[in-house]
Amino acid sequence: MDSRGLAVSGACLLVVAALVIRFTRWGSRFWRITGEYYTGRHSVQIWGLFGALLLSVITSVRLTVLFTYYSNDLYSALQAAFQGAAAGNNAVRDSGIRGFWVVIWTCCVIATLQVIRVMTDLYVTQRFLIR
């Protein structure tokens, strides 16, 4: 995970939030009601949870990109296996089969990470809302 991406996303989010609070009626009302929640010593844990949620969103985008690559690799491996079988070239066929299984195992890892991310995100979101 690129920490620069998290830093840039967080900074942009804070700038947009400040603009919304400053220039919209809804934002100023929101800040008047909840401003104490986000300021002071007690707010350090709140900002930590907020950062964790932002990290979860960035991780979700990265996993989505990895799933896209997975799909392409899966069909490329199947294509190589079928072309090798059709041409009678066992080396190409075996390469496609090995590639297929590597992609399947990669998918298992990515899917496990996605489930862990979703469950953690759900927990952190609920914790953020309850506080």
N, C-alpha and C. Protein backbone atom coordinates (compact mmCIF):
# COMPACT_ATOMS: atom_id res chain seq x y z
N MET A 1 0.86 -1.17 0.00
CA MET A 1 0.00 0.00 0.00
C MET A 1 0.90 1.23 0.00
N ASP A 2 0.58 2.13 -0.84
CA ASP A 2 1.37 3.35 -0.99
C ASP A 2 0.89 4.37 0.04
N SER A 3 1.76 4.75 0.97
CA SER A 3 1.37 5.70 2.01
C SER A 3 1.15 7.10 1.44
N ARG A 4 1.78 7.38 0.30
CA ARG A 4 1.55 8.69 -0.33
C ARG A 4 0.11 8.82 -0.78
N GLY A 5 -0.45 7.73 -1.31
CA GLY A 5 -1.85 7.76 -1.73
C GLY A 5 -2.78 8.03 -0.57
N LEU A 6 -2.50 7.42 0.57
CA LEU A 6 -3.30 7.66 1.76
C LEU A 6 -3.16 9.11 2.22
N ALA A 7 -1.95 9.63 2.21
CA ALA A 7 -1.71 11.01 2.64
C ALA A 7 -2.40 12.01 1.72
N VAL A 8 -2.26 11.81 0.42
CA VAL A 8 -2.89 12.72 -0.55
C VAL A 8 -4.41 12.64 -0.45
N SER A 9 -4.95 11.44 -0.34
CA SER A 9 -6.40 11.28 -0.22
C SER A 9 -6.91 11.94 1.05
N GLY A 10 -6.20 11.74 2.15
CA GLY A 10 -6.61 12.35 3.41
C GLY A 10 -6.57 13.87 3.35
N ALA A 11 -5.50 14.41 2.76
CA ALA A 11 -5.38 15.86 2.65
C ALA A 11 -6.49 16.43 1.77
N CYS A 12 -6.75 15.80 0.64
CA CYS A 12 -7.83 16.27 -0.25
C CYS A 12 -9.18 16.19 0.44
N LEU A 13 -9.41 15.13 1.18
CA LEU A 13 -10.67 14.97 1.89
C LEU A 13 -10.84 16.07 2.94
N LEU A 14 -9.77 16.40 3.65
CA LEU A 14 -9.84 17.47 4.66
C LEU A 14 -10.09 18.83 4.02
N VAL A 15 -9.46 19.09 2.88
CA VAL A 15 -9.68 20.37 2.18
C VAL A 15 -11.13 20.48 1.72
N VAL A 16 -11.66 19.42 1.13
CA VAL A 16 -13.05 19.44 0.67
C VAL A 16 -14.00 19.61 1.87
N ALA A 17 -13.72 18.90 2.97
CA ALA A 17 -14.56 19.03 4.16
C ALA A 17 -14.53 20.47 4.69
N ALA A 18 -13.34 21.08 4.72
CA ALA A 18 -13.23 22.46 5.19
C ALA A 18 -14.02 23.40 4.29
N LEU A 19 -13.96 23.18 2.98
CA LEU A 19 -14.71 24.02 2.05
C LEU A 19 -16.22 23.85 2.23
N VAL A 20 -16.64 22.62 2.44
CA VAL A 20 -18.07 22.36 2.66
C VAL A 20 -18.54 23.03 3.95
N ILE A 21 -17.74 22.90 5.01
CA ILE A 21 -18.10 23.52 6.29
C ILE A 21 -18.15 25.04 6.16
N ARG A 22 -17.23 25.60 5.42
CA ARG A 22 -17.11 27.06 5.31
C ARG A 22 -18.17 27.68 4.40
N PHE A 23 -18.49 27.00 3.29
CA PHE A 23 -19.30 27.65 2.26
C PHE A 23 -20.71 27.09 2.07
N THR A 24 -21.10 26.11 2.86
CA THR A 24 -22.48 25.60 2.73
C THR A 24 -23.20 25.72 4.07
N ARG A 25 -24.49 25.92 3.99
CA ARG A 25 -25.30 26.01 5.19
C ARG A 25 -25.31 24.68 5.93
N TRP A 26 -25.44 23.60 5.16
CA TRP A 26 -25.44 22.28 5.77
C TRP A 26 -24.13 22.02 6.51
N GLY A 27 -23.01 22.37 5.89
CA GLY A 27 -21.71 22.13 6.51
C GLY A 27 -21.52 22.91 7.79
N SER A 28 -21.96 24.17 7.79
CA SER A 28 -21.80 24.98 9.01
C SER A 28 -22.70 24.45 10.13
N ARG A 29 -23.89 24.00 9.79
CA ARG A 29 -24.77 23.40 10.80
C ARG A 29 -24.18 22.10 11.34
N PHE A 30 -23.67 21.30 10.43
CA PHE A 30 -23.05 20.03 10.84
C PHE A 30 -21.89 20.30 11.80
N TRP A 31 -21.04 21.26 11.48
CA TRP A 31 -19.88 21.55 12.33
C TRP A 31 -20.32 22.13 13.68
N ARG A 32 -21.36 22.95 13.67
CA ARG A 32 -21.84 23.53 14.92
C ARG A 32 -22.34 22.44 15.86
N ILE A 33 -22.99 21.41 15.31
CA ILE A 33 -23.54 20.34 16.14
C ILE A 33 -22.47 19.32 16.53
N THR A 34 -21.59 18.95 15.61
CA THR A 34 -20.64 17.85 15.86
C THR A 34 -19.19 18.29 15.99
N GLY A 35 -18.92 19.55 15.94
CA GLY A 35 -17.54 20.04 15.95
C GLY A 35 -16.74 19.59 17.16
N GLU A 36 -17.36 19.56 18.33
CA GLU A 36 -16.64 19.13 19.54
C GLU A 36 -16.20 17.68 19.46
N TYR A 37 -16.95 16.88 18.73
CA TYR A 37 -16.62 15.47 18.58
C TYR A 37 -15.29 15.29 17.84
N TYR A 38 -15.00 16.18 16.91
CA TYR A 38 -13.80 16.06 16.06
C TYR A 38 -12.63 16.92 16.53
N THR A 39 -12.77 17.61 17.65
CA THR A 39 -11.69 18.46 18.15
C THR A 39 -11.36 18.08 19.58
N GLY A 40 -10.17 18.45 20.01
CA GLY A 40 -9.74 18.19 21.38
C GLY A 40 -8.95 16.89 21.51
N ARG A 41 -8.52 16.63 22.73
CA ARG A 41 -7.69 15.44 23.00
C ARG A 41 -8.44 14.14 22.76
N HIS A 42 -9.71 14.10 23.10
CA HIS A 42 -10.50 12.88 22.95
C HIS A 42 -10.72 12.49 21.49
N SER A 43 -10.46 13.39 20.57
CA SER A 43 -10.75 13.12 19.16
C SER A 43 -9.64 12.36 18.44
N VAL A 44 -8.54 12.09 19.12
CA VAL A 44 -7.43 11.38 18.47
C VAL A 44 -7.89 9.99 18.01
N GLN A 45 -8.63 9.30 18.86
CA GLN A 45 -9.12 7.97 18.49
C GLN A 45 -10.13 8.07 17.34
N ILE A 46 -10.93 9.10 17.33
CA ILE A 46 -11.91 9.30 16.25
C ILE A 46 -11.20 9.49 14.92
N TRP A 47 -10.16 10.32 14.90
CA TRP A 47 -9.41 10.55 13.67
C TRP A 47 -8.66 9.29 13.25
N GLY A 48 -8.24 8.48 14.21
CA GLY A 48 -7.62 7.19 13.88
C GLY A 48 -8.61 6.26 13.18
N LEU A 49 -9.83 6.19 13.71
CA LEU A 49 -10.87 5.38 13.06
C LEU A 49 -11.20 5.91 11.67
N PHE A 50 -11.25 7.23 11.57
CA PHE A 50 -11.52 7.86 10.28
C PHE A 50 -10.42 7.52 9.27
N GLY A 51 -9.16 7.57 9.72
CA GLY A 51 -8.04 7.17 8.86
C GLY A 51 -8.11 5.72 8.46
N ALA A 52 -8.54 4.86 9.40
CA ALA A 52 -8.69 3.43 9.08
C ALA A 52 -9.76 3.22 8.01
N LEU A 53 -10.83 3.98 8.10
CA LEU A 53 -11.88 3.88 7.08
C LEU A 53 -11.38 4.35 5.72
N LEU A 54 -10.61 5.40 5.70
CA LEU A 54 -10.03 5.89 4.44
C LEU A 54 -9.08 4.85 3.86
N LEU A 55 -8.26 4.24 4.70
CA LEU A 55 -7.37 3.18 4.25
C LEU A 55 -8.16 2.00 3.70
N SER A 56 -9.28 1.70 4.31
CA SER A 56 -10.13 0.60 3.83
C SER A 56 -10.67 0.89 2.43
N VAL A 57 -11.06 2.12 2.19
CA VAL A 57 -11.56 2.50 0.86
C VAL A 57 -10.46 2.37 -0.19
N ILE A 58 -9.27 2.84 0.14
CA ILE A 58 -8.14 2.75 -0.80
C ILE A 58 -7.78 1.30 -1.06
N THR A 59 -7.81 0.48 -0.01
CA THR A 59 -7.54 -0.95 -0.17
C THR A 59 -8.60 -1.61 -1.03
N SER A 60 -9.84 -1.21 -0.87
CA SER A 60 -10.93 -1.76 -1.68
C SER A 60 -10.70 -1.48 -3.16
N VAL A 61 -10.27 -0.27 -3.48
CA VAL A 61 -9.99 0.08 -4.88
C VAL A 61 -8.86 -0.79 -5.42
N ARG A 62 -7.82 -0.95 -4.62
CA ARG A 62 -6.68 -1.78 -5.06
C ARG A 62 -7.09 -3.23 -5.29
N LEU A 63 -7.90 -3.77 -4.39
CA LEU A 63 -8.36 -5.15 -4.56
C LEU A 63 -9.26 -5.29 -5.80
N THR A 64 -10.05 -4.28 -6.09
CA THR A 64 -10.87 -4.31 -7.30
C THR A 64 -9.99 -4.36 -8.54
N VAL A 65 -8.92 -3.59 -8.54
CA VAL A 65 -7.98 -3.62 -9.67
C VAL A 65 -7.35 -5.01 -9.78
N LEU A 66 -6.97 -5.59 -8.65
CA LEU A 66 -6.37 -6.93 -8.67
C LEU A 66 -7.36 -7.98 -9.19
N PHE A 67 -8.64 -7.84 -8.85
CA PHE A 67 -9.64 -8.75 -9.39
C PHE A 67 -9.77 -8.61 -10.91
N THR A 68 -9.59 -7.41 -11.42
CA THR A 68 -9.62 -7.20 -12.86
C THR A 68 -8.46 -7.92 -13.53
N TYR A 69 -7.27 -7.79 -12.94
CA TYR A 69 -6.11 -8.52 -13.47
C TYR A 69 -6.31 -10.02 -13.38
N TYR A 70 -6.91 -10.47 -12.29
CA TYR A 70 -7.19 -11.89 -12.11
C TYR A 70 -8.05 -12.41 -13.25
N SER A 71 -9.10 -11.69 -13.56
CA SER A 71 -10.00 -12.12 -14.63
C SER A 71 -9.27 -12.23 -15.96
N ASN A 72 -8.45 -11.25 -16.28
CA ASN A 72 -7.69 -11.28 -17.52
C ASN A 72 -6.72 -12.46 -17.53
N ASP A 73 -6.01 -12.67 -16.43
CA ASP A 73 -5.05 -13.78 -16.35
C ASP A 73 -5.74 -15.14 -16.45
N LEU A 74 -6.91 -15.24 -15.84
CA LEU A 74 -7.65 -16.51 -15.89
C LEU A 74 -7.99 -16.88 -17.33
N TYR A 75 -8.57 -15.95 -18.05
CA TYR A 75 -8.97 -16.25 -19.42
C TYR A 75 -7.76 -16.41 -20.35
N SER A 76 -6.68 -15.70 -20.07
CA SER A 76 -5.46 -15.89 -20.86
C SER A 76 -4.89 -17.29 -20.65
N ALA A 77 -4.90 -17.76 -19.40
CA ALA A 77 -4.40 -19.11 -19.11
C ALA A 77 -5.28 -20.17 -19.76
N LEU A 78 -6.59 -19.98 -19.69
CA LEU A 78 -7.50 -20.93 -20.34
C LEU A 78 -7.31 -20.94 -21.85
N GLN A 79 -7.13 -19.77 -22.42
CA GLN A 79 -6.91 -19.67 -23.85
C GLN A 79 -5.63 -20.40 -24.26
N ALA A 80 -4.57 -20.22 -23.49
CA ALA A 80 -3.31 -20.91 -23.79
C ALA A 80 -3.48 -22.42 -23.69
N ALA A 81 -4.20 -22.87 -22.65
CA ALA A 81 -4.41 -24.32 -22.47
C ALA A 81 -5.21 -24.89 -23.63
N PHE A 82 -6.27 -24.22 -24.04
CA PHE A 82 -7.11 -24.73 -25.12
C PHE A 82 -6.40 -24.67 -26.47
N GLN A 83 -5.64 -23.59 -26.70
CA GLN A 83 -4.90 -23.50 -27.96
C GLN A 83 -3.82 -24.56 -28.03
N GLY A 84 -3.14 -24.80 -26.91
CA GLY A 84 -2.12 -25.84 -26.88
C GLY A 84 -2.72 -27.21 -27.11
N ALA A 85 -3.88 -27.47 -26.52
CA ALA A 85 -4.55 -28.76 -26.71
C ALA A 85 -5.02 -28.92 -28.15
N ALA A 86 -5.55 -27.84 -28.73
CA ALA A 86 -6.05 -27.92 -30.11
C ALA A 86 -4.91 -28.11 -31.10
N ALA A 87 -3.75 -27.52 -30.81
CA ALA A 87 -2.61 -27.63 -31.72
C ALA A 87 -1.78 -28.88 -31.45
N GLY A 88 -2.10 -29.60 -30.38
CA GLY A 88 -1.32 -30.78 -30.04
C GLY A 88 0.02 -30.44 -29.40
N ASN A 89 0.16 -29.22 -28.92
CA ASN A 89 1.40 -28.77 -28.29
C ASN A 89 1.24 -28.92 -26.77
N ASN A 90 1.81 -29.99 -26.23
CA ASN A 90 1.65 -30.29 -24.81
C ASN A 90 2.34 -29.26 -23.91
N ALA A 91 3.42 -28.68 -24.37
CA ALA A 91 4.13 -27.69 -23.56
C ALA A 91 3.25 -26.45 -23.34
N VAL A 92 2.60 -25.97 -24.40
CA VAL A 92 1.73 -24.81 -24.28
C VAL A 92 0.51 -25.15 -23.44
N ARG A 93 -0.05 -26.34 -23.68
CA ARG A 93 -1.22 -26.77 -22.90
C ARG A 93 -0.89 -26.85 -21.42
N ASP A 94 0.25 -27.48 -21.08
CA ASP A 94 0.65 -27.60 -19.68
C ASP A 94 0.95 -26.25 -19.05
N SER A 95 1.53 -25.34 -19.85
CA SER A 95 1.78 -23.99 -19.35
C SER A 95 0.47 -23.29 -19.02
N GLY A 96 -0.53 -23.44 -19.87
CA GLY A 96 -1.84 -22.85 -19.62
C GLY A 96 -2.50 -23.44 -18.39
N ILE A 97 -2.35 -24.76 -18.22
CA ILE A 97 -2.95 -25.41 -17.05
C ILE A 97 -2.27 -24.93 -15.76
N ARG A 98 -0.94 -24.87 -15.79
CA ARG A 98 -0.22 -24.37 -14.61
C ARG A 98 -0.62 -22.91 -14.31
N GLY A 99 -0.70 -22.11 -15.37
CA GLY A 99 -1.11 -20.71 -15.19
C GLY A 99 -2.51 -20.60 -14.61
N PHE A 100 -3.41 -21.48 -15.07
CA PHE A 100 -4.77 -21.49 -14.55
C PHE A 100 -4.78 -21.73 -13.04
N TRP A 101 -4.03 -22.72 -12.59
CA TRP A 101 -4.02 -23.04 -11.16
C TRP A 101 -3.34 -21.96 -10.33
N VAL A 102 -2.32 -21.34 -10.90
CA VAL A 102 -1.68 -20.21 -10.19
C VAL A 102 -2.70 -19.08 -10.02
N VAL A 103 -3.46 -18.82 -11.06
CA VAL A 103 -4.46 -17.75 -11.00
C VAL A 103 -5.56 -18.11 -10.00
N ILE A 104 -5.97 -19.37 -9.95
CA ILE A 104 -7.00 -19.78 -8.99
C ILE A 104 -6.51 -19.56 -7.56
N TRP A 105 -5.28 -19.96 -7.28
CA TRP A 105 -4.73 -19.76 -5.94
C TRP A 105 -4.57 -18.27 -5.63
N THR A 106 -4.19 -17.50 -6.61
CA THR A 106 -4.09 -16.05 -6.43
C THR A 106 -5.46 -15.46 -6.10
N CYS A 107 -6.48 -15.95 -6.78
CA CYS A 107 -7.84 -15.49 -6.51
C CYS A 107 -8.25 -15.83 -5.09
N CYS A 108 -7.87 -17.01 -4.62
CA CYS A 108 -8.20 -17.39 -3.24
C CYS A 108 -7.58 -16.41 -2.24
N VAL A 109 -6.34 -16.01 -2.49
CA VAL A 109 -5.67 -15.06 -1.60
C VAL A 109 -6.36 -13.70 -1.66
N ILE A 110 -6.64 -13.23 -2.87
CA ILE A 110 -7.28 -11.92 -3.02
C ILE A 110 -8.68 -11.94 -2.40
N ALA A 111 -9.42 -13.01 -2.62
CA ALA A 111 -10.77 -13.10 -2.05
C ALA A 111 -10.72 -13.13 -0.52
N THR A 112 -9.74 -13.83 0.04
CA THR A 112 -9.58 -13.86 1.50
C THR A 112 -9.29 -12.46 2.02
N LEU A 113 -8.39 -11.74 1.35
CA LEU A 113 -8.08 -10.37 1.74
C LEU A 113 -9.32 -9.47 1.64
N GLN A 114 -10.12 -9.69 0.62
CA GLN A 114 -11.33 -8.89 0.44
C GLN A 114 -12.33 -9.16 1.57
N VAL A 115 -12.50 -10.41 1.95
CA VAL A 115 -13.42 -10.74 3.04
C VAL A 115 -12.92 -10.13 4.35
N ILE A 116 -11.63 -10.24 4.60
CA ILE A 116 -11.06 -9.64 5.82
C ILE A 116 -11.26 -8.13 5.80
N ARG A 117 -11.05 -7.49 4.64
CA ARG A 117 -11.23 -6.05 4.54
C ARG A 117 -12.67 -5.65 4.77
N VAL A 118 -13.61 -6.38 4.20
CA VAL A 118 -15.02 -6.05 4.34
C VAL A 118 -15.46 -6.20 5.81
N MET A 119 -15.05 -7.28 6.45
CA MET A 119 -15.44 -7.49 7.84
C MET A 119 -14.81 -6.45 8.76
N THR A 120 -13.55 -6.12 8.52
CA THR A 120 -12.88 -5.09 9.31
C THR A 120 -13.52 -3.73 9.08
N ASP A 121 -13.84 -3.44 7.82
CA ASP A 121 -14.49 -2.18 7.49
C ASP A 121 -15.85 -2.08 8.18
N LEU A 122 -16.59 -3.15 8.17
CA LEU A 122 -17.89 -3.17 8.84
C LEU A 122 -17.74 -2.89 10.33
N TYR A 123 -16.78 -3.54 10.95
CA TYR A 123 -16.54 -3.34 12.38
C TYR A 123 -16.12 -1.90 12.67
N VAL A 124 -15.17 -1.38 11.93
CA VAL A 124 -14.67 -0.02 12.18
C VAL A 124 -15.76 1.00 11.90
N THR A 125 -16.54 0.80 10.86
CA THR A 125 -17.65 1.73 10.56
C THR A 125 -18.65 1.74 11.69
N GLN A 126 -19.05 0.57 12.18
CA GLN A 126 -20.00 0.51 13.28
C GLN A 126 -19.43 1.16 14.54
N ARG A 127 -18.18 0.92 14.78
CA ARG A 127 -17.52 1.52 15.95
C ARG A 127 -17.48 3.05 15.82
N PHE A 128 -17.20 3.53 14.62
CA PHE A 128 -17.16 4.97 14.36
C PHE A 128 -18.55 5.58 14.57
N LEU A 129 -19.58 4.92 14.07
CA LEU A 129 -20.94 5.44 14.19
C LEU A 129 -21.45 5.41 15.63
N ILE A 130 -21.10 4.36 16.34
CA ILE A 130 -21.59 4.24 17.72
C ILE A 130 -20.94 5.29 18.62
N ARG A 131 -19.66 5.57 18.40
CA ARG A 131 -18.98 6.57 19.23
C ARG A 131 -19.60 7.93 18.97
